[in-house]
Amino acid sequence: MERRRYQRTRTLKSARILLNHHHSVIDCTVRNLSPSGACLNVASALGIPEQFDVFFEADRSIRACRLIWHKEKQVGVEFAEEEVTYLPRPLEASTTSA
């Protein structure tokens, strides 16, 4: 029986799990996504805490998450709140020479 509030969309996007006040990072791949949560592929689910942030590279957003379920190399998360933080795009290095 499906318990999700929203249908998830299949995707293949790069993301990062942010731990320890964003000082530690675990690379992951977003496999499906909805307004309320996501499924993330990881090298290992071992050591991933119950609450953490995820940085989505495509739109440079950060979402607070709660771990709902985990398998050996996959985790299901629920977004903890509606609030999303967007990071500015980095400035590109100048290509002009002096």
PDB file of N, CA and C in Angstrom:
ATOM      1  N   MET A   1       0.827  -1.183   0.000  1.00  0.00           N
ATOM      2  CA  MET A   1       0.000   0.000   0.000  1.00  0.00           C
ATOM      3  C   MET A   1       0.879   1.257   0.000  1.00  0.00           C
ATOM      4  N   GLU A   2       0.650   2.134  -0.893  1.00  0.00           N
ATOM      5  CA  GLU A   2       1.404   3.387  -1.019  1.00  0.00           C
ATOM      6  C   GLU A   2       0.978   4.357   0.074  1.00  0.00           C
ATOM      7  N   ARG A   3       1.971   4.905   0.830  1.00  0.00           N
ATOM      8  CA  ARG A   3       1.669   5.815   1.928  1.00  0.00           C
ATOM      9  C   ARG A   3       2.089   7.249   1.638  1.00  0.00           C
ATOM     10  N   ARG A   4       2.654   7.515   0.492  1.00  0.00           N
ATOM     11  CA  ARG A   4       3.103   8.868   0.193  1.00  0.00           C
ATOM     12  C   ARG A   4       1.931   9.788  -0.111  1.00  0.00           C
ATOM     13  N   ARG A   5       2.069  11.054   0.306  1.00  0.00           N
ATOM     14  CA  ARG A   5       1.035  12.053   0.026  1.00  0.00           C
ATOM     15  C   ARG A   5       1.089  12.516  -1.418  1.00  0.00           C
ATOM     16  N   TYR A   6       2.277  12.556  -2.001  1.00  0.00           N
ATOM     17  CA  TYR A   6       2.463  13.036  -3.366  1.00  0.00           C
ATOM     18  C   TYR A   6       3.168  11.973  -4.194  1.00  0.00           C
ATOM     19  N   GLN A   7       2.814  11.902  -5.459  1.00  0.00           N
ATOM     20  CA  GLN A   7       3.488  10.996  -6.364  1.00  0.00           C
ATOM     21  C   GLN A   7       4.893  11.519  -6.630  1.00  0.00           C
ATOM     22  N   ARG A   8       5.872  10.638  -6.653  1.00  0.00           N
ATOM     23  CA  ARG A   8       7.253  11.046  -6.903  1.00  0.00           C
ATOM     24  C   ARG A   8       7.576  10.936  -8.381  1.00  0.00           C
ATOM     25  N   THR A   9       8.434  11.846  -8.831  1.00  0.00           N
ATOM     26  CA  THR A   9       8.886  11.872 -10.225  1.00  0.00           C
ATOM     27  C   THR A   9      10.268  11.245 -10.311  1.00  0.00           C
ATOM     28  N   ARG A  10      10.444  10.318 -11.244  1.00  0.00           N
ATOM     29  CA  ARG A  10      11.761   9.703 -11.433  1.00  0.00           C
ATOM     30  C   ARG A  10      12.740  10.749 -11.930  1.00  0.00           C
ATOM     31  N   THR A  11      13.974  10.677 -11.422  1.00  0.00           N
ATOM     32  CA  THR A  11      14.998  11.635 -11.811  1.00  0.00           C
ATOM     33  C   THR A  11      16.373  11.003 -11.617  1.00  0.00           C
ATOM     34  N   LEU A  12      17.381  11.680 -12.042  1.00  0.00           N
ATOM     35  CA  LEU A  12      18.763  11.234 -11.872  1.00  0.00           C
ATOM     36  C   LEU A  12      19.613  12.495 -11.720  1.00  0.00           C
ATOM     37  N   LYS A  13      19.619  13.039 -10.495  1.00  0.00           N
ATOM     38  CA  LYS A  13      20.298  14.308 -10.231  1.00  0.00           C
ATOM     39  C   LYS A  13      21.333  14.140  -9.138  1.00  0.00           C
ATOM     40  N   SER A  14      22.405  14.922  -9.226  1.00  0.00           N
ATOM     41  CA  SER A  14      23.443  14.908  -8.202  1.00  0.00           C
ATOM     42  C   SER A  14      23.003  15.707  -6.986  1.00  0.00           C
ATOM     43  N   ALA A  15      23.365  15.208  -5.814  1.00  0.00           N
ATOM     44  CA  ALA A  15      23.061  15.905  -4.568  1.00  0.00           C
ATOM     45  C   ALA A  15      24.127  15.534  -3.541  1.00  0.00           C
ATOM     46  N   ARG A  16      24.052  16.196  -2.385  1.00  0.00           N
ATOM     47  CA  ARG A  16      24.986  15.909  -1.298  1.00  0.00           C
ATOM     48  C   ARG A  16      24.229  15.927   0.024  1.00  0.00           C
ATOM     49  N   ILE A  17      24.469  14.917   0.838  1.00  0.00           N
ATOM     50  CA  ILE A  17      23.954  14.898   2.193  1.00  0.00           C
ATOM     51  C   ILE A  17      24.932  15.695   3.046  1.00  0.00           C
ATOM     52  N   LEU A  18      24.407  16.689   3.769  1.00  0.00           N
ATOM     53  CA  LEU A  18      25.249  17.570   4.579  1.00  0.00           C
ATOM     54  C   LEU A  18      25.104  17.197   6.053  1.00  0.00           C
ATOM     55  N   LEU A  19      26.239  16.930   6.690  1.00  0.00           N
ATOM     56  CA  LEU A  19      26.256  16.508   8.087  1.00  0.00           C
ATOM     57  C   LEU A  19      27.163  17.433   8.905  1.00  0.00           C
ATOM     58  N   ASN A  20      27.085  17.336  10.227  1.00  0.00           N
ATOM     59  CA  ASN A  20      27.980  18.071  11.132  1.00  0.00           C
ATOM     60  C   ASN A  20      28.022  19.554  10.809  1.00  0.00           C
ATOM     61  N   HIS A  21      26.855  20.196  10.796  1.00  0.00           N
ATOM     62  CA  HIS A  21      26.748  21.634  10.501  1.00  0.00           C
ATOM     63  C   HIS A  21      27.350  21.964   9.128  1.00  0.00           C
ATOM     64  N   HIS A  22      27.172  21.048   8.176  1.00  0.00           N
ATOM     65  CA  HIS A  22      27.606  21.184   6.780  1.00  0.00           C
ATOM     66  C   HIS A  22      29.121  21.070   6.626  1.00  0.00           C
ATOM     67  N   HIS A  23      29.828  20.501   7.607  1.00  0.00           N
ATOM     68  CA  HIS A  23      31.273  20.309   7.512  1.00  0.00           C
ATOM     69  C   HIS A  23      31.627  18.952   6.924  1.00  0.00           C
ATOM     70  N   SER A  24      30.681  18.024   6.880  1.00  0.00           N
ATOM     71  CA  SER A  24      30.880  16.698   6.297  1.00  0.00           C
ATOM     72  C   SER A  24      29.851  16.482   5.194  1.00  0.00           C
ATOM     73  N   VAL A  25      30.273  15.771   4.156  1.00  0.00           N
ATOM     74  CA  VAL A  25      29.427  15.595   2.976  1.00  0.00           C
ATOM     75  C   VAL A  25      29.434  14.135   2.536  1.00  0.00           C
ATOM     76  N   ILE A  26      28.266  13.646   2.140  1.00  0.00           N
ATOM     77  CA  ILE A  26      28.138  12.338   1.498  1.00  0.00           C
ATOM     78  C   ILE A  26      27.509  12.580   0.132  1.00  0.00           C
ATOM     79  N   ASP A  27      28.212  12.221  -0.939  1.00  0.00           N
ATOM     80  CA  ASP A  27      27.660  12.363  -2.283  1.00  0.00           C
ATOM     81  C   ASP A  27      26.523  11.369  -2.479  1.00  0.00           C
ATOM     82  N   CYS A  28      25.505  11.779  -3.203  1.00  0.00           N
ATOM     83  CA  CYS A  28      24.373  10.897  -3.474  1.00  0.00           C
ATOM     84  C   CYS A  28      23.739  11.265  -4.813  1.00  0.00           C
ATOM     85  N   THR A  29      22.835  10.413  -5.252  1.00  0.00           N
ATOM     86  CA  THR A  29      22.078  10.635  -6.482  1.00  0.00           C
ATOM     87  C   THR A  29      20.599  10.589  -6.144  1.00  0.00           C
ATOM     88  N   VAL A  30      19.857  11.582  -6.591  1.00  0.00           N
ATOM     89  CA  VAL A  30      18.413  11.631  -6.366  1.00  0.00           C
ATOM     90  C   VAL A  30      17.756  10.741  -7.420  1.00  0.00           C
ATOM     91  N   ARG A  31      17.048   9.710  -6.970  1.00  0.00           N
ATOM     92  CA  ARG A  31      16.397   8.772  -7.890  1.00  0.00           C
ATOM     93  C   ARG A  31      14.950   9.136  -8.154  1.00  0.00           C
ATOM     94  N   ASN A  32      14.267   9.671  -7.147  1.00  0.00           N
ATOM     95  CA  ASN A  32      12.919  10.187  -7.362  1.00  0.00           C
ATOM     96  C   ASN A  32      12.672  11.306  -6.369  1.00  0.00           C
ATOM     97  N   LEU A  33      11.719  12.163  -6.723  1.00  0.00           N
ATOM     98  CA  LEU A  33      11.535  13.402  -5.985  1.00  0.00           C
ATOM     99  C   LEU A  33      10.072  13.807  -6.003  1.00  0.00           C
ATOM    100  N   SER A  34       9.599  14.357  -4.878  1.00  0.00           N
ATOM    101  CA  SER A  34       8.258  14.926  -4.790  1.00  0.00           C
ATOM    102  C   SER A  34       8.352  16.177  -3.932  1.00  0.00           C
ATOM    103  N   PRO A  35       7.284  16.938  -3.825  1.00  0.00           N
ATOM    104  CA  PRO A  35       7.325  18.113  -2.949  1.00  0.00           C
ATOM    105  C   PRO A  35       7.581  17.762  -1.477  1.00  0.00           C
ATOM    106  N   SER A  36       7.317  16.506  -1.090  1.00  0.00           N
ATOM    107  CA  SER A  36       7.448  16.143   0.315  1.00  0.00           C
ATOM    108  C   SER A  36       8.637  15.251   0.641  1.00  0.00           C
ATOM    109  N   GLY A  37       9.362  14.727  -0.368  1.00  0.00           N
ATOM    110  CA  GLY A  37      10.478  13.843  -0.060  1.00  0.00           C
ATOM    111  C   GLY A  37      11.217  13.352  -1.285  1.00  0.00           C
ATOM    112  N   ALA A  38      12.173  12.440  -1.043  1.00  0.00           N
ATOM    113  CA  ALA A  38      13.008  11.939  -2.130  1.00  0.00           C
ATOM    114  C   ALA A  38      13.584  10.577  -1.768  1.00  0.00           C
ATOM    115  N   CYS A  39      14.042   9.882  -2.797  1.00  0.00           N
ATOM    116  CA  CYS A  39      14.797   8.649  -2.639  1.00  0.00           C
ATOM    117  C   CYS A  39      16.212   8.946  -3.122  1.00  0.00           C
ATOM    118  N   LEU A  40      17.208   8.646  -2.281  1.00  0.00           N
ATOM    119  CA  LEU A  40      18.599   8.959  -2.594  1.00  0.00           C
ATOM    120  C   LEU A  40      19.427   7.684  -2.652  1.00  0.00           C
ATOM    121  N   ASN A  41      20.245   7.543  -3.684  1.00  0.00           N
ATOM    122  CA  ASN A  41      21.207   6.457  -3.757  1.00  0.00           C
ATOM    123  C   ASN A  41      22.504   6.942  -3.127  1.00  0.00           C
ATOM    124  N   VAL A  42      23.093   6.113  -2.255  1.00  0.00           N
ATOM    125  CA  VAL A  42      24.335   6.441  -1.568  1.00  0.00           C
ATOM    126  C   VAL A  42      25.289   5.250  -1.665  1.00  0.00           C
ATOM    127  N   ALA A  43      26.586   5.494  -1.421  1.00  0.00           N
ATOM    128  CA  ALA A  43      27.551   4.391  -1.423  1.00  0.00           C
ATOM    129  C   ALA A  43      27.238   3.416  -0.284  1.00  0.00           C
ATOM    130  N   SER A  44      26.807   3.959   0.860  1.00  0.00           N
ATOM    131  CA  SER A  44      26.407   3.150   2.003  1.00  0.00           C
ATOM    132  C   SER A  44      25.490   3.983   2.889  1.00  0.00           C
ATOM    133  N   ALA A  45      24.420   3.389   3.378  1.00  0.00           N
ATOM    134  CA  ALA A  45      23.503   4.089   4.273  1.00  0.00           C
ATOM    135  C   ALA A  45      24.019   4.079   5.711  1.00  0.00           C
ATOM    136  N   LEU A  46      25.087   3.345   5.961  1.00  0.00           N
ATOM    137  CA  LEU A  46      25.657   3.238   7.296  1.00  0.00           C
ATOM    138  C   LEU A  46      26.133   4.607   7.784  1.00  0.00           C
ATOM    139  N   GLY A  47      25.706   5.007   8.953  1.00  0.00           N
ATOM    140  CA  GLY A  47      26.161   6.258   9.545  1.00  0.00           C
ATOM    141  C   GLY A  47      25.351   7.480   9.182  1.00  0.00           C
ATOM    142  N   ILE A  48      24.338   7.327   8.349  1.00  0.00           N
ATOM    143  CA  ILE A  48      23.487   8.473   8.009  1.00  0.00           C
ATOM    144  C   ILE A  48      22.500   8.679   9.161  1.00  0.00           C
ATOM    145  N   PRO A  49      22.509   9.873   9.758  1.00  0.00           N
ATOM    146  CA  PRO A  49      21.666  10.110  10.938  1.00  0.00           C
ATOM    147  C   PRO A  49      20.195  10.277  10.585  1.00  0.00           C
ATOM    148  N   GLU A  50      19.376  10.420  11.613  1.00  0.00           N
ATOM    149  CA  GLU A  50      17.930  10.553  11.428  1.00  0.00           C
ATOM    150  C   GLU A  50      17.547  11.896  10.802  1.00  0.00           C
ATOM    151  N   GLN A  51      18.311  12.947  11.071  1.00  0.00           N
ATOM    152  CA  GLN A  51      18.033  14.275  10.509  1.00  0.00           C
ATOM    153  C   GLN A  51      19.301  14.855   9.899  1.00  0.00           C
ATOM    154  N   PHE A  52      19.145  15.488   8.737  1.00  0.00           N
ATOM    155  CA  PHE A  52      20.277  16.081   8.026  1.00  0.00           C
ATOM    156  C   PHE A  52      19.736  16.995   6.943  1.00  0.00           C
ATOM    157  N   ASP A  53      20.624  17.700   6.279  1.00  0.00           N
ATOM    158  CA  ASP A  53      20.245  18.543   5.149  1.00  0.00           C
ATOM    159  C   ASP A  53      20.725  17.899   3.861  1.00  0.00           C
ATOM    160  N   VAL A  54      20.033  18.188   2.756  1.00  0.00           N
ATOM    161  CA  VAL A  54      20.456  17.734   1.425  1.00  0.00           C
ATOM    162  C   VAL A  54      20.629  18.952   0.542  1.00  0.00           C
ATOM    163  N   PHE A  55      21.778  19.010  -0.139  1.00  0.00           N
ATOM    164  CA  PHE A  55      22.064  20.065  -1.110  1.00  0.00           C
ATOM    165  C   PHE A  55      21.812  19.492  -2.497  1.00  0.00           C
ATOM    166  N   PHE A  56      20.853  20.085  -3.224  1.00  0.00           N
ATOM    167  CA  PHE A  56      20.526  19.663  -4.587  1.00  0.00           C
ATOM    168  C   PHE A  56      21.300  20.547  -5.559  1.00  0.00           C
ATOM    169  N   GLU A  57      22.241  19.949  -6.302  1.00  0.00           N
ATOM    170  CA  GLU A  57      23.130  20.714  -7.165  1.00  0.00           C
ATOM    171  C   GLU A  57      22.406  21.412  -8.306  1.00  0.00           C
ATOM    172  N   ALA A  58      21.366  20.810  -8.849  1.00  0.00           N
ATOM    173  CA  ALA A  58      20.695  21.363 -10.034  1.00  0.00           C
ATOM    174  C   ALA A  58      20.172  22.775  -9.800  1.00  0.00           C
ATOM    175  N   ASP A  59      19.506  22.984  -8.664  1.00  0.00           N
ATOM    176  CA  ASP A  59      18.971  24.328  -8.392  1.00  0.00           C
ATOM    177  C   ASP A  59      19.656  25.005  -7.202  1.00  0.00           C
ATOM    178  N   ARG A  60      20.731  24.356  -6.683  1.00  0.00           N
ATOM    179  CA  ARG A  60      21.536  24.889  -5.576  1.00  0.00           C
ATOM    180  C   ARG A  60      20.691  25.146  -4.332  1.00  0.00           C
ATOM    181  N   SER A  61      19.733  24.247  -4.082  1.00  0.00           N
ATOM    182  CA  SER A  61      18.870  24.396  -2.915  1.00  0.00           C
ATOM    183  C   SER A  61      19.302  23.454  -1.803  1.00  0.00           C
ATOM    184  N   ILE A  62      18.971  23.839  -0.573  1.00  0.00           N
ATOM    185  CA  ILE A  62      19.223  23.008   0.597  1.00  0.00           C
ATOM    186  C   ILE A  62      17.894  22.764   1.298  1.00  0.00           C
ATOM    187  N   ARG A  63      17.615  21.488   1.576  1.00  0.00           N
ATOM    188  CA  ARG A  63      16.368  21.111   2.258  1.00  0.00           C
ATOM    189  C   ARG A  63      16.706  20.324   3.510  1.00  0.00           C
ATOM    190  N   ALA A  64      16.044  20.638   4.615  1.00  0.00           N
ATOM    191  CA  ALA A  64      16.150  19.847   5.838  1.00  0.00           C
ATOM    192  C   ALA A  64      15.367  18.555   5.632  1.00  0.00           C
ATOM    193  N   CYS A  65      15.938  17.416   6.034  1.00  0.00           N
ATOM    194  CA  CYS A  65      15.320  16.117   5.797  1.00  0.00           C
ATOM    195  C   CYS A  65      15.284  15.279   7.057  1.00  0.00           C
ATOM    196  N   ARG A  66      14.349  14.322   7.034  1.00  0.00           N
ATOM    197  CA  ARG A  66      14.232  13.319   8.079  1.00  0.00           C
ATOM    198  C   ARG A  66      14.292  11.955   7.410  1.00  0.00           C
ATOM    199  N   LEU A  67      15.145  11.079   7.910  1.00  0.00           N
ATOM    200  CA  LEU A  67      15.289   9.736   7.369  1.00  0.00           C
ATOM    201  C   LEU A  67      14.032   8.929   7.687  1.00  0.00           C
ATOM    202  N   ILE A  68      13.389   8.388   6.660  1.00  0.00           N
ATOM    203  CA  ILE A  68      12.172   7.594   6.826  1.00  0.00           C
ATOM    204  C   ILE A  68      12.482   6.104   6.751  1.00  0.00           C
ATOM    205  N   TRP A  69      13.306   5.724   5.795  1.00  0.00           N
ATOM    206  CA  TRP A  69      13.688   4.323   5.644  1.00  0.00           C
ATOM    207  C   TRP A  69      15.074   4.257   5.012  1.00  0.00           C
ATOM    208  N   HIS A  70      15.718   3.102   5.121  1.00  0.00           N
ATOM    209  CA  HIS A  70      17.020   2.918   4.473  1.00  0.00           C
ATOM    210  C   HIS A  70      17.230   1.464   4.100  1.00  0.00           C
ATOM    211  N   LYS A  71      17.960   1.287   3.039  1.00  0.00           N
ATOM    212  CA  LYS A  71      18.453  -0.016   2.606  1.00  0.00           C
ATOM    213  C   LYS A  71      19.971   0.116   2.560  1.00  0.00           C
ATOM    214  N   GLU A  72      20.646  -0.896   2.067  1.00  0.00           N
ATOM    215  CA  GLU A  72      22.105  -0.877   2.050  1.00  0.00           C
ATOM    216  C   GLU A  72      22.674   0.346   1.321  1.00  0.00           C
ATOM    217  N   LYS A  73      22.121   0.680   0.148  1.00  0.00           N
ATOM    218  CA  LYS A  73      22.660   1.771  -0.652  1.00  0.00           C
ATOM    219  C   LYS A  73      21.590   2.776  -1.083  1.00  0.00           C
ATOM    220  N   GLN A  74      20.529   2.865  -0.308  1.00  0.00           N
ATOM    221  CA  GLN A  74      19.430   3.754  -0.667  1.00  0.00           C
ATOM    222  C   GLN A  74      18.745   4.241   0.605  1.00  0.00           C
ATOM    223  N   VAL A  75      18.330   5.518   0.591  1.00  0.00           N
ATOM    224  CA  VAL A  75      17.589   6.069   1.723  1.00  0.00           C
ATOM    225  C   VAL A  75      16.370   6.821   1.208  1.00  0.00           C
ATOM    226  N   GLY A  76      15.309   6.769   1.979  1.00  0.00           N
ATOM    227  CA  GLY A  76      14.104   7.544   1.697  1.00  0.00           C
ATOM    228  C   GLY A  76      14.002   8.658   2.719  1.00  0.00           C
ATOM    229  N   VAL A  77      13.801   9.879   2.252  1.00  0.00           N
ATOM    230  CA  VAL A  77      13.737  11.020   3.160  1.00  0.00           C
ATOM    231  C   VAL A  77      12.437  11.786   2.980  1.00  0.00           C
ATOM    232  N   GLU A  78      12.013  12.413   4.059  1.00  0.00           N
ATOM    233  CA  GLU A  78      10.883  13.320   4.032  1.00  0.00           C
ATOM    234  C   GLU A  78      11.440  14.707   4.324  1.00  0.00           C
ATOM    235  N   PHE A  79      11.022  15.687   3.519  1.00  0.00           N
ATOM    236  CA  PHE A  79      11.466  17.054   3.768  1.00  0.00           C
ATOM    237  C   PHE A  79      10.805  17.544   5.044  1.00  0.00           C
ATOM    238  N   ALA A  80      11.609  18.121   5.926  1.00  0.00           N
ATOM    239  CA  ALA A  80      11.139  18.485   7.256  1.00  0.00           C
ATOM    240  C   ALA A  80      10.263  19.727   7.258  1.00  0.00           C
ATOM    241  N   GLU A  81      10.403  20.578   6.270  1.00  0.00           N
ATOM    242  CA  GLU A  81       9.649  21.831   6.248  1.00  0.00           C
ATOM    243  C   GLU A  81       9.517  22.334   4.823  1.00  0.00           C
ATOM    244  N   GLU A  82       8.649  23.265   4.638  1.00  0.00           N
ATOM    245  CA  GLU A  82       8.442  23.852   3.307  1.00  0.00           C
ATOM    246  C   GLU A  82       9.563  24.798   2.906  1.00  0.00           C
ATOM    247  N   GLU A  83      10.287  25.309   3.911  1.00  0.00           N
ATOM    248  CA  GLU A  83      11.328  26.294   3.642  1.00  0.00           C
ATOM    249  C   GLU A  83      12.500  25.678   2.884  1.00  0.00           C
ATOM    250  N   VAL A  84      12.934  26.369   1.840  1.00  0.00           N
ATOM    251  CA  VAL A  84      14.063  25.947   1.024  1.00  0.00           C
ATOM    252  C   VAL A  84      15.066  27.090   0.994  1.00  0.00           C
ATOM    253  N   THR A  85      16.344  26.765   1.170  1.00  0.00           N
ATOM    254  CA  THR A  85      17.407  27.763   1.067  1.00  0.00           C
ATOM    255  C   THR A  85      18.078  27.603  -0.283  1.00  0.00           C
ATOM    256  N   TYR A  86      18.225  28.702  -1.015  1.00  0.00           N
ATOM    257  CA  TYR A  86      18.901  28.672  -2.305  1.00  0.00           C
ATOM    258  C   TYR A  86      20.242  29.377  -2.173  1.00  0.00           C
ATOM    259  N   LEU A  87      21.296  28.719  -2.610  1.00  0.00           N
ATOM    260  CA  LEU A  87      22.629  29.314  -2.579  1.00  0.00           C
ATOM    261  C   LEU A  87      22.885  30.045  -3.886  1.00  0.00           C
ATOM    262  N   PRO A  88      23.591  31.182  -3.843  1.00  0.00           N
ATOM    263  CA  PRO A  88      23.897  31.893  -5.079  1.00  0.00           C
ATOM    264  C   PRO A  88      24.859  31.093  -5.939  1.00  0.00           C
ATOM    265  N   ARG A  89      24.770  31.295  -7.222  1.00  0.00           N
ATOM    266  CA  ARG A  89      25.707  30.647  -8.145  1.00  0.00           C
ATOM    267  C   ARG A  89      27.080  31.268  -7.950  1.00  0.00           C
ATOM    268  N   PRO A  90      28.142  30.459  -7.990  1.00  0.00           N
ATOM    269  CA  PRO A  90      29.480  31.034  -7.852  1.00  0.00           C
ATOM    270  C   PRO A  90      29.820  31.886  -9.070  1.00  0.00           C
ATOM    271  N   LEU A  91      30.590  32.937  -8.841  1.00  0.00           N
ATOM    272  CA  LEU A  91      31.031  33.779  -9.951  1.00  0.00           C
ATOM    273  C   LEU A  91      32.051  33.016 -10.773  1.00  0.00           C
ATOM    274  N   GLU A  92      31.934  33.146 -12.079  1.00  0.00           N
ATOM    275  CA  GLU A  92      32.885  32.466 -12.945  1.00  0.00           C
ATOM    276  C   GLU A  92      34.187  33.234 -12.958  1.00  0.00           C
ATOM    277  N   ALA A  93      35.286  32.507 -13.042  1.00  0.00           N
ATOM    278  CA  ALA A  93      36.594  33.142 -13.065  1.00  0.00           C
ATOM    279  C   ALA A  93      36.729  34.005 -14.319  1.00  0.00           C
ATOM    280  N   SER A  94      37.364  35.101 -14.173  1.00  0.00           N
ATOM    281  CA  SER A  94      37.555  36.020 -15.293  1.00  0.00           C
ATOM    282  C   SER A  94      38.429  35.358 -16.346  1.00  0.00           C
ATOM    283  N   THR A  95      38.045  35.487 -17.598  1.00  0.00           N
ATOM    284  CA  THR A  95      38.813  34.876 -18.687  1.00  0.00           C
ATOM    285  C   THR A  95      39.674  35.901 -19.395  1.00  0.00           C
ATOM    286  N   THR A  96      39.652  37.143 -18.933  1.00  0.00           N
ATOM    287  CA  THR A  96      40.499  38.173 -19.578  1.00  0.00           C
ATOM    288  C   THR A  96      41.860  38.148 -18.935  1.00  0.00           C
ATOM    289  N   SER A  97      42.855  38.428 -19.715  1.00  0.00           N
ATOM    290  CA  SER A  97      44.221  38.470 -19.180  1.00  0.00           C
ATOM    291  C   SER A  97      44.726  39.907 -19.190  1.00  0.00           C
ATOM    292  N   ALA A  98      45.611  40.196 -18.275  1.00  0.00           N
ATOM    293  CA  ALA A  98      46.133  41.565 -18.134  1.00  0.00           C
ATOM    294  C   ALA A  98      47.256  41.832 -19.101  1.00  0.00           C
TER     295      ALA A  98
END
